[in-house]
Amino acid sequence: MLKEFRRFALKGNVIDLAVGIIIGAAFTAIVSSLVDDLLMPPLGVLMGGIDFSDYFVNLSRTTVASVDEAKRLGVPVIAYGLFVNAVVKFVIVAFALFVVVKQVNRLKDLMEHGEAAPEDVPPPTRQEVLLGEIRDLLAGRGNGNKT
């Protein structure tokens, strides 16, 4: 059982996954800073100078000025501004991953075929395939080959 576990733990896929998780955690910190420190302040200014992270619904009769104060006092709130921040972070991460995967696939095609695969090229229609076959048959007949 120990040998089997060692084989599993040292497989390339497991190591790749571990590296991906570590890089993902570091990338999340960068995206969090991007959203919290660079994107949300200008959006807050455009929305009247209010910080998005302080948008909340107070569920008690205790008056609080911010989500941090509510957490410190144990006041229940629905912190929908923090949710908006999380959604923006998710969209940024998803878009960045989309771009990375697209480029990796492009490089993979380039290395396999010597050229990048054409993007969004539809497959040939049935008529185009048939015309190609007819062309090939006629070309074969002109060389003295009878089919």
Protein backbone atom coordinates (compact mmCIF):
# COMPACT_ATOMS: atom_id res chain seq x y z
CA MET A 1 0.00 0.00 0.00
CA LEU A 2 2.88 2.37 0.77
CA LYS A 3 4.44 1.73 -2.66
CA GLU A 4 1.11 2.36 -4.34
CA PHE A 5 0.67 5.63 -2.43
CA ARG A 6 4.20 6.73 -3.33
CA ARG A 7 3.52 5.99 -7.02
CA PHE A 8 0.30 8.00 -6.84
CA ALA A 9 1.87 10.93 -4.98
CA LEU A 10 4.81 11.16 -7.37
CA LYS A 11 2.75 10.91 -10.55
CA GLY A 12 3.15 13.88 -12.86
CA ASN A 13 -0.52 14.81 -12.67
CA VAL A 14 -0.50 15.10 -8.88
CA ILE A 15 2.62 17.26 -8.90
CA ASP A 16 1.17 19.43 -11.69
CA LEU A 17 -2.02 19.84 -9.67
CA ALA A 18 -0.06 20.87 -6.57
CA VAL A 19 1.92 23.44 -8.54
CA GLY A 20 -1.32 24.74 -10.08
CA ILE A 21 -2.94 25.15 -6.67
CA ILE A 22 0.06 27.04 -5.29
CA ILE A 23 0.22 29.35 -8.32
CA GLY A 24 -3.56 29.78 -8.14
CA ALA A 25 -3.33 30.88 -4.51
CA ALA A 26 -0.65 33.45 -5.39
CA PHE A 27 -2.69 34.60 -8.39
CA THR A 28 -5.74 35.01 -6.15
CA ALA A 29 -3.79 37.38 -3.91
CA ILE A 30 -2.82 39.45 -6.95
CA VAL A 31 -6.40 39.56 -8.23
CA SER A 32 -7.70 40.47 -4.76
CA SER A 33 -5.31 43.40 -4.64
CA LEU A 34 -6.24 44.42 -8.18
CA VAL A 35 -9.95 44.44 -7.35
CA ASP A 36 -9.76 45.86 -3.81
CA ASP A 37 -6.98 48.40 -4.34
CA LEU A 38 -7.26 49.43 -8.01
CA LEU A 39 -10.72 48.75 -9.42
CA MET A 40 -13.17 49.22 -6.57
CA PRO A 41 -11.98 52.66 -5.35
CA PRO A 42 -12.70 54.37 -8.72
CA LEU A 43 -16.02 52.51 -8.96
CA GLY A 44 -16.83 53.70 -5.46
CA VAL A 45 -16.04 57.30 -6.45
CA LEU A 46 -18.27 56.97 -9.50
CA MET A 47 -21.04 55.69 -7.24
CA GLY A 48 -20.85 58.64 -4.86
CA GLY A 49 -17.65 58.04 -2.94
CA ILE A 50 -18.85 54.96 -1.06
CA ASP A 51 -16.61 51.92 -0.72
CA PHE A 52 -18.28 48.87 -2.26
CA SER A 53 -17.07 46.64 0.56
CA ASP A 54 -19.18 48.68 2.99
CA TYR A 55 -22.48 48.06 1.23
CA PHE A 56 -24.55 45.97 3.62
CA VAL A 57 -28.01 45.43 5.04
CA ASN A 58 -28.19 45.61 8.81
CA LEU A 59 -30.33 42.79 10.23
CA SER A 60 -30.46 44.15 13.79
CA ARG A 61 -31.48 47.34 15.55
CA THR A 62 -27.89 48.14 16.48
CA THR A 63 -26.50 50.96 14.36
CA VAL A 64 -23.14 50.24 12.69
CA ALA A 65 -21.16 52.31 10.21
CA SER A 66 -19.30 49.53 8.40
CA VAL A 67 -19.10 45.79 7.86
CA ASP A 68 -15.91 45.70 9.92
CA GLU A 69 -17.66 47.37 12.84
CA ALA A 70 -20.59 44.96 12.51
CA LYS A 71 -18.22 41.97 12.58
CA ARG A 72 -16.37 43.39 15.57
CA LEU A 73 -19.63 43.90 17.49
CA GLY A 74 -21.20 40.64 16.30
CA VAL A 75 -24.05 42.43 14.55
CA PRO A 76 -25.68 40.32 11.81
CA VAL A 77 -25.49 41.95 8.37
CA ILE A 78 -25.89 40.92 4.75
CA ALA A 79 -22.64 42.21 3.25
CA TYR A 80 -23.68 42.34 -0.41
CA GLY A 81 -20.84 44.74 -1.25
CA LEU A 82 -18.32 42.05 -0.33
CA PHE A 83 -20.27 39.68 -2.58
CA VAL A 84 -20.00 42.16 -5.48
CA ASN A 85 -16.23 42.31 -4.88
CA ALA A 86 -16.06 38.50 -4.92
CA VAL A 87 -18.02 38.33 -8.20
CA VAL A 88 -15.71 40.89 -9.83
CA LYS A 89 -12.68 38.89 -8.65
CA PHE A 90 -14.19 35.68 -10.05
CA VAL A 91 -14.84 37.27 -13.45
CA ILE A 92 -11.26 38.56 -13.62
CA VAL A 93 -9.80 35.17 -12.65
CA ALA A 94 -12.09 33.33 -15.08
CA PHE A 95 -11.13 35.68 -17.93
CA ALA A 96 -7.42 35.39 -17.12
CA LEU A 97 -7.66 31.59 -17.08
CA PHE A 98 -9.56 31.65 -20.38
CA VAL A 99 -6.77 33.70 -21.97
CA VAL A 100 -4.07 31.43 -20.53
CA VAL A 101 -5.78 28.20 -21.65
CA LYS A 102 -6.42 29.67 -25.10
CA GLN A 103 -2.74 30.59 -25.48
CA VAL A 104 -1.56 27.20 -24.20
CA ASN A 105 -3.82 25.43 -26.71
CA ARG A 106 -2.53 27.71 -29.46
CA LEU A 107 1.08 26.93 -28.54
CA LYS A 108 0.26 23.22 -28.39
CA ASP A 109 -1.21 23.35 -31.91
CA LEU A 110 1.80 25.32 -33.09
CA MET A 111 4.21 22.73 -31.70
CA GLU A 112 2.20 19.76 -33.04
CA HIS A 113 1.38 21.05 -36.50
CA GLY A 114 4.00 23.70 -37.14
CA GLU A 115 1.33 26.37 -37.41
CA ALA A 116 -1.45 27.69 -35.27
CA ALA A 117 -4.80 26.02 -35.79
CA PRO A 118 -7.27 28.35 -37.46
CA GLU A 119 -9.78 29.74 -35.00
CA ASP A 120 -13.49 29.23 -35.50
CA VAL A 121 -13.17 27.78 -38.99
CA PRO A 122 -16.24 25.67 -39.68
CA PRO A 123 -15.74 22.17 -41.08
CA PRO A 124 -16.25 21.81 -44.84
CA THR A 125 -19.82 21.28 -45.99
CA ARG A 126 -20.93 17.99 -47.52
CA GLN A 127 -20.90 19.61 -50.97
CA GLU A 128 -17.30 20.79 -50.49
CA VAL A 129 -16.22 17.30 -49.44
CA LEU A 130 -17.96 15.73 -52.46
CA LEU A 131 -16.46 18.29 -54.84
CA GLY A 132 -13.02 17.55 -53.40
CA GLU A 133 -13.53 13.82 -53.95
CA ILE A 134 -14.69 14.42 -57.54
CA ARG A 135 -11.64 16.63 -58.13
CA ASP A 136 -9.34 13.92 -56.77
CA LEU A 137 -11.02 11.26 -58.96
CA LEU A 138 -10.70 13.42 -62.07
CA ALA A 139 -7.06 14.19 -61.25
CA GLY A 140 -6.37 10.46 -60.89
CA ARG A 141 -8.01 9.73 -64.27
CA GLY A 142 -5.84 12.32 -66.06
CA ASN A 143 -2.65 10.49 -64.97
CA GLY A 144 -3.62 7.37 -66.79
CA ASN A 145 -5.12 5.74 -63.72
CA LYS A 146 -8.49 4.18 -64.31
CA THR A 147 -10.90 3.94 -61.43
